Amino acid sequence: MPRIPLHGARHTALSLMEKAGVPISIISKWAGHYDVRFTYSVYVHAEQEDLAEGTAALGAIYKVN
């Protein structure tokens, strides 16, 4: 198992909270951040699967197969 520094675990926790649908305002407050823009820019990152899910959701809106 790879070693994950404590700060890396923090990034992972905040990103997983965002993926689970926790509002960014809650995530930011939980992390002790003053501004949600900081939380988004530093801790929440879109992965390839997130982009695919976004594309699928947009396709569902327009009923594209």
PDB file of N, CA and C in Angstrom:
ATOM      1  N   MET A   1       0.838  -1.158   0.000  1.00  0.00           N
ATOM      2  CA  MET A   1       0.000   0.000   0.000  1.00  0.00           C
ATOM      3  C   MET A   1       0.895   1.238   0.000  1.00  0.00           C
ATOM      4  N   PRO A   2       0.593   2.215  -0.877  1.00  0.00           N
ATOM      5  CA  PRO A   2       1.433   3.409  -0.922  1.00  0.00           C
ATOM      6  C   PRO A   2       1.259   4.266   0.326  1.00  0.00           C
ATOM      7  N   ARG A   3       2.316   4.947   0.661  1.00  0.00           N
ATOM      8  CA  ARG A   3       2.283   5.862   1.792  1.00  0.00           C
ATOM      9  C   ARG A   3       1.630   7.169   1.372  1.00  0.00           C
ATOM     10  N   ILE A   4       0.666   7.645   2.138  1.00  0.00           N
ATOM     11  CA  ILE A   4      -0.005   8.904   1.841  1.00  0.00           C
ATOM     12  C   ILE A   4       0.255   9.851   3.003  1.00  0.00           C
ATOM     13  N   PRO A   5       0.910  10.982   2.723  1.00  0.00           N
ATOM     14  CA  PRO A   5       1.137  11.954   3.792  1.00  0.00           C
ATOM     15  C   PRO A   5      -0.200  12.478   4.329  1.00  0.00           C
ATOM     16  N   LEU A   6      -0.183  12.981   5.544  1.00  0.00           N
ATOM     17  CA  LEU A   6      -1.398  13.482   6.163  1.00  0.00           C
ATOM     18  C   LEU A   6      -2.087  14.534   5.286  1.00  0.00           C
ATOM     19  N   HIS A   7      -1.300  15.419   4.684  1.00  0.00           N
ATOM     20  CA  HIS A   7      -1.900  16.442   3.829  1.00  0.00           C
ATOM     21  C   HIS A   7      -2.573  15.808   2.606  1.00  0.00           C
ATOM     22  N   GLY A   8      -2.006  14.732   2.085  1.00  0.00           N
ATOM     23  CA  GLY A   8      -2.618  14.010   0.973  1.00  0.00           C
ATOM     24  C   GLY A   8      -3.946  13.398   1.376  1.00  0.00           C
ATOM     25  N   ALA A   9      -4.027  12.924   2.605  1.00  0.00           N
ATOM     26  CA  ALA A   9      -5.277  12.362   3.112  1.00  0.00           C
ATOM     27  C   ALA A   9      -6.345  13.454   3.202  1.00  0.00           C
ATOM     28  N   ARG A  10      -5.920  14.668   3.554  1.00  0.00           N
ATOM     29  CA  ARG A  10      -6.848  15.802   3.619  1.00  0.00           C
ATOM     30  C   ARG A  10      -7.419  16.090   2.231  1.00  0.00           C
ATOM     31  N   HIS A  11      -6.549  16.125   1.219  1.00  0.00           N
ATOM     32  CA  HIS A  11      -7.014  16.332  -0.153  1.00  0.00           C
ATOM     33  C   HIS A  11      -8.021  15.252  -0.537  1.00  0.00           C
ATOM     34  N   THR A  12      -7.687  14.009  -0.222  1.00  0.00           N
ATOM     35  CA  THR A  12      -8.560  12.890  -0.560  1.00  0.00           C
ATOM     36  C   THR A  12      -9.906  13.019   0.135  1.00  0.00           C
ATOM     37  N   ALA A  13      -9.901  13.336   1.431  1.00  0.00           N
ATOM     38  CA  ALA A  13     -11.149  13.458   2.185  1.00  0.00           C
ATOM     39  C   ALA A  13     -12.045  14.543   1.600  1.00  0.00           C
ATOM     40  N   LEU A  14     -11.472  15.700   1.298  1.00  0.00           N
ATOM     41  CA  LEU A  14     -12.280  16.788   0.761  1.00  0.00           C
ATOM     42  C   LEU A  14     -12.803  16.459  -0.630  1.00  0.00           C
ATOM     43  N   SER A  15     -11.983  15.834  -1.456  1.00  0.00           N
ATOM     44  CA  SER A  15     -12.429  15.439  -2.795  1.00  0.00           C
ATOM     45  C   SER A  15     -13.536  14.393  -2.722  1.00  0.00           C
ATOM     46  N   LEU A  16     -13.410  13.434  -1.813  1.00  0.00           N
ATOM     47  CA  LEU A  16     -14.449  12.409  -1.663  1.00  0.00           C
ATOM     48  C   LEU A  16     -15.757  12.995  -1.144  1.00  0.00           C
ATOM     49  N   MET A  17     -15.654  13.967  -0.248  1.00  0.00           N
ATOM     50  CA  MET A  17     -16.862  14.639   0.228  1.00  0.00           C
ATOM     51  C   MET A  17     -17.580  15.322  -0.932  1.00  0.00           C
ATOM     52  N   GLU A  18     -16.804  15.983  -1.807  1.00  0.00           N
ATOM     53  CA  GLU A  18     -17.396  16.662  -2.955  1.00  0.00           C
ATOM     54  C   GLU A  18     -18.045  15.660  -3.900  1.00  0.00           C
ATOM     55  N   LYS A  19     -17.374  14.539  -4.138  1.00  0.00           N
ATOM     56  CA  LYS A  19     -17.926  13.493  -5.008  1.00  0.00           C
ATOM     57  C   LYS A  19     -19.199  12.894  -4.428  1.00  0.00           C
ATOM     58  N   ALA A  20     -19.307  12.875  -3.097  1.00  0.00           N
ATOM     59  CA  ALA A  20     -20.484  12.316  -2.426  1.00  0.00           C
ATOM     60  C   ALA A  20     -21.661  13.293  -2.415  1.00  0.00           C
ATOM     61  N   GLY A  21     -21.423  14.502  -2.940  1.00  0.00           N
ATOM     62  CA  GLY A  21     -22.515  15.454  -3.030  1.00  0.00           C
ATOM     63  C   GLY A  21     -22.635  16.415  -1.857  1.00  0.00           C
ATOM     64  N   VAL A  22     -21.633  16.424  -0.982  1.00  0.00           N
ATOM     65  CA  VAL A  22     -21.654  17.368   0.132  1.00  0.00           C
ATOM     66  C   VAL A  22     -21.479  18.770  -0.448  1.00  0.00           C
ATOM     67  N   PRO A  23     -22.321  19.713  -0.066  1.00  0.00           N
ATOM     68  CA  PRO A  23     -22.194  21.077  -0.600  1.00  0.00           C
ATOM     69  C   PRO A  23     -20.816  21.675  -0.306  1.00  0.00           C
ATOM     70  N   ILE A  24     -20.287  22.421  -1.266  1.00  0.00           N
ATOM     71  CA  ILE A  24     -18.950  22.986  -1.127  1.00  0.00           C
ATOM     72  C   ILE A  24     -18.859  23.907   0.079  1.00  0.00           C
ATOM     73  N   SER A  25     -19.947  24.557   0.434  1.00  0.00           N
ATOM     74  CA  SER A  25     -19.922  25.437   1.606  1.00  0.00           C
ATOM     75  C   SER A  25     -19.642  24.644   2.878  1.00  0.00           C
ATOM     76  N   ILE A  26     -20.172  23.440   2.967  1.00  0.00           N
ATOM     77  CA  ILE A  26     -19.942  22.577   4.131  1.00  0.00           C
ATOM     78  C   ILE A  26     -18.514  22.047   4.121  1.00  0.00           C
ATOM     79  N   ILE A  27     -18.051  21.608   2.957  1.00  0.00           N
ATOM     80  CA  ILE A  27     -16.686  21.088   2.834  1.00  0.00           C
ATOM     81  C   ILE A  27     -15.681  22.168   3.232  1.00  0.00           C
ATOM     82  N   SER A  28     -15.889  23.360   2.726  1.00  0.00           N
ATOM     83  CA  SER A  28     -14.980  24.459   3.007  1.00  0.00           C
ATOM     84  C   SER A  28     -14.952  24.796   4.499  1.00  0.00           C
ATOM     85  N   LYS A  29     -16.108  24.842   5.111  1.00  0.00           N
ATOM     86  CA  LYS A  29     -16.188  25.132   6.548  1.00  0.00           C
ATOM     87  C   LYS A  29     -15.535  24.012   7.356  1.00  0.00           C
ATOM     88  N   TRP A  30     -15.789  22.771   6.971  1.00  0.00           N
ATOM     89  CA  TRP A  30     -15.214  21.614   7.647  1.00  0.00           C
ATOM     90  C   TRP A  30     -13.692  21.677   7.617  1.00  0.00           C
ATOM     91  N   ALA A  31     -13.156  22.154   6.477  1.00  0.00           N
ATOM     92  CA  ALA A  31     -11.700  22.241   6.306  1.00  0.00           C
ATOM     93  C   ALA A  31     -11.109  23.479   6.987  1.00  0.00           C
ATOM     94  N   GLY A  32     -11.977  24.384   7.433  1.00  0.00           N
ATOM     95  CA  GLY A  32     -11.492  25.593   8.083  1.00  0.00           C
ATOM     96  C   GLY A  32     -11.099  26.691   7.116  1.00  0.00           C
ATOM     97  N   HIS A  33     -11.622  26.611   5.890  1.00  0.00           N
ATOM     98  CA  HIS A  33     -11.308  27.621   4.888  1.00  0.00           C
ATOM     99  C   HIS A  33     -12.264  28.804   5.006  1.00  0.00           C
ATOM    100  N   TYR A  34     -11.761  29.974   4.717  1.00  0.00           N
ATOM    101  CA  TYR A  34     -12.554  31.196   4.760  1.00  0.00           C
ATOM    102  C   TYR A  34     -13.374  31.371   3.478  1.00  0.00           C
ATOM    103  N   ASP A  35     -12.826  30.911   2.360  1.00  0.00           N
ATOM    104  CA  ASP A  35     -13.430  31.163   1.052  1.00  0.00           C
ATOM    105  C   ASP A  35     -13.580  29.847   0.284  1.00  0.00           C
ATOM    106  N   VAL A  36     -14.791  29.560  -0.212  1.00  0.00           N
ATOM    107  CA  VAL A  36     -15.022  28.314  -0.947  1.00  0.00           C
ATOM    108  C   VAL A  36     -14.216  28.259  -2.245  1.00  0.00           C
ATOM    109  N   ARG A  37     -13.868  29.420  -2.795  1.00  0.00           N
ATOM    110  CA  ARG A  37     -13.051  29.413  -4.023  1.00  0.00           C
ATOM    111  C   ARG A  37     -11.697  28.773  -3.767  1.00  0.00           C
ATOM    112  N   PHE A  38     -11.150  28.993  -2.583  1.00  0.00           N
ATOM    113  CA  PHE A  38      -9.879  28.358  -2.233  1.00  0.00           C
ATOM    114  C   PHE A  38     -10.045  26.840  -2.178  1.00  0.00           C
ATOM    115  N   THR A  39     -11.127  26.395  -1.568  1.00  0.00           N
ATOM    116  CA  THR A  39     -11.386  24.949  -1.472  1.00  0.00           C
ATOM    117  C   THR A  39     -11.463  24.339  -2.860  1.00  0.00           C
ATOM    118  N   TYR A  40     -12.225  24.972  -3.747  1.00  0.00           N
ATOM    119  CA  TYR A  40     -12.329  24.462  -5.113  1.00  0.00           C
ATOM    120  C   TYR A  40     -10.987  24.455  -5.827  1.00  0.00           C
ATOM    121  N   SER A  41     -10.247  25.530  -5.726  1.00  0.00           N
ATOM    122  CA  SER A  41      -9.017  25.638  -6.507  1.00  0.00           C
ATOM    123  C   SER A  41      -7.888  24.749  -6.006  1.00  0.00           C
ATOM    124  N   VAL A  42      -7.870  24.440  -4.718  1.00  0.00           N
ATOM    125  CA  VAL A  42      -6.754  23.685  -4.148  1.00  0.00           C
ATOM    126  C   VAL A  42      -7.110  22.224  -3.855  1.00  0.00           C
ATOM    127  N   TYR A  43      -8.325  21.960  -3.424  1.00  0.00           N
ATOM    128  CA  TYR A  43      -8.644  20.634  -2.906  1.00  0.00           C
ATOM    129  C   TYR A  43      -9.581  19.784  -3.753  1.00  0.00           C
ATOM    130  N   VAL A  44     -10.403  20.374  -4.568  1.00  0.00           N
ATOM    131  CA  VAL A  44     -11.379  19.599  -5.327  1.00  0.00           C
ATOM    132  C   VAL A  44     -10.925  19.548  -6.787  1.00  0.00           C
ATOM    133  N   HIS A  45     -10.704  18.340  -7.283  1.00  0.00           N
ATOM    134  CA  HIS A  45     -10.172  18.158  -8.631  1.00  0.00           C
ATOM    135  C   HIS A  45     -11.061  17.200  -9.424  1.00  0.00           C
ATOM    136  N   ALA A  46     -11.356  17.553 -10.655  1.00  0.00           N
ATOM    137  CA  ALA A  46     -12.131  16.680 -11.527  1.00  0.00           C
ATOM    138  C   ALA A  46     -11.219  15.602 -12.104  1.00  0.00           C
ATOM    139  N   GLU A  47     -11.683  14.392 -12.044  1.00  0.00           N
ATOM    140  CA  GLU A  47     -10.971  13.254 -12.618  1.00  0.00           C
ATOM    141  C   GLU A  47     -11.627  12.890 -13.945  1.00  0.00           C
ATOM    142  N   GLN A  48     -11.002  12.020 -14.700  1.00  0.00           N
ATOM    143  CA  GLN A  48     -11.533  11.617 -16.002  1.00  0.00           C
ATOM    144  C   GLN A  48     -12.937  11.042 -15.871  1.00  0.00           C
ATOM    145  N   GLU A  49     -13.187  10.226 -14.860  1.00  0.00           N
ATOM    146  CA  GLU A  49     -14.525   9.643 -14.686  1.00  0.00           C
ATOM    147  C   GLU A  49     -15.557  10.726 -14.361  1.00  0.00           C
ATOM    148  N   ASP A  50     -15.146  11.789 -13.661  1.00  0.00           N
ATOM    149  CA  ASP A  50     -16.053  12.900 -13.376  1.00  0.00           C
ATOM    150  C   ASP A  50     -16.476  13.584 -14.670  1.00  0.00           C
ATOM    151  N   LEU A  51     -15.514  13.766 -15.580  1.00  0.00           N
ATOM    152  CA  LEU A  51     -15.820  14.384 -16.861  1.00  0.00           C
ATOM    153  C   LEU A  51     -16.768  13.511 -17.674  1.00  0.00           C
ATOM    154  N   ALA A  52     -16.573  12.201 -17.637  1.00  0.00           N
ATOM    155  CA  ALA A  52     -17.461  11.280 -18.351  1.00  0.00           C
ATOM    156  C   ALA A  52     -18.866  11.329 -17.763  1.00  0.00           C
ATOM    157  N   GLU A  53     -18.985  11.396 -16.438  1.00  0.00           N
ATOM    158  CA  GLU A  53     -20.291  11.489 -15.798  1.00  0.00           C
ATOM    159  C   GLU A  53     -20.991  12.791 -16.170  1.00  0.00           C
ATOM    160  N   GLY A  54     -20.232  13.872 -16.224  1.00  0.00           N
ATOM    161  CA  GLY A  54     -20.804  15.154 -16.629  1.00  0.00           C
ATOM    162  C   GLY A  54     -21.319  15.112 -18.057  1.00  0.00           C
ATOM    163  N   THR A  55     -20.563  14.477 -18.926  1.00  0.00           N
ATOM    164  CA  THR A  55     -20.979  14.337 -20.319  1.00  0.00           C
ATOM    165  C   THR A  55     -22.248  13.506 -20.422  1.00  0.00           C
ATOM    166  N   ALA A  56     -22.308  12.413 -19.671  1.00  0.00           N
ATOM    167  CA  ALA A  56     -23.499  11.554 -19.673  1.00  0.00           C
ATOM    168  C   ALA A  56     -24.714  12.304 -19.142  1.00  0.00           C
ATOM    169  N   ALA A  57     -24.527  13.102 -18.091  1.00  0.00           N
ATOM    170  CA  ALA A  57     -25.638  13.871 -17.534  1.00  0.00           C
ATOM    171  C   ALA A  57     -26.154  14.883 -18.538  1.00  0.00           C
ATOM    172  N   LEU A  58     -25.250  15.544 -19.239  1.00  0.00           N
ATOM    173  CA  LEU A  58     -25.659  16.506 -20.261  1.00  0.00           C
ATOM    174  C   LEU A  58     -26.383  15.793 -21.397  1.00  0.00           C
ATOM    175  N   GLY A  59     -25.878  14.630 -21.795  1.00  0.00           N
ATOM    176  CA  GLY A  59     -26.533  13.850 -22.834  1.00  0.00           C
ATOM    177  C   GLY A  59     -27.934  13.433 -22.432  1.00  0.00           C
ATOM    178  N   ALA A  60     -28.139  13.103 -21.147  1.00  0.00           N
ATOM    179  CA  ALA A  60     -29.462  12.714 -20.660  1.00  0.00           C
ATOM    180  C   ALA A  60     -30.442  13.883 -20.742  1.00  0.00           C
ATOM    181  N   ILE A  61     -29.950  15.094 -20.500  1.00  0.00           N
ATOM    182  CA  ILE A  61     -30.809  16.276 -20.592  1.00  0.00           C
ATOM    183  C   ILE A  61     -31.326  16.442 -22.009  1.00  0.00           C
ATOM    184  N   TYR A  62     -30.439  16.215 -22.970  1.00  0.00           N
ATOM    185  CA  TYR A  62     -30.805  16.383 -24.374  1.00  0.00           C
ATOM    186  C   TYR A  62     -31.202  15.070 -25.041  1.00  0.00           C
ATOM    187  N   LYS A  63     -31.279  13.999 -24.233  1.00  0.00           N
ATOM    188  CA  LYS A  63     -31.668  12.672 -24.717  1.00  0.00           C
ATOM    189  C   LYS A  63     -30.848  12.208 -25.896  1.00  0.00           C
ATOM    190  N   VAL A  64     -29.529  12.336 -25.742  1.00  0.00           N
ATOM    191  CA  VAL A  64     -28.590  11.907 -26.776  1.00  0.00           C
ATOM    192  C   VAL A  64     -28.095  10.512 -26.398  1.00  0.00           C
ATOM    193  N   ASN A  65     -28.026   9.627 -27.356  1.00  0.00           N
ATOM    194  CA  ASN A  65     -27.544   8.268 -27.071  1.00  0.00           C
ATOM    195  C   ASN A  65     -26.077   8.160 -27.358  1.00  0.00           C
TER     196      ASN A  65
END
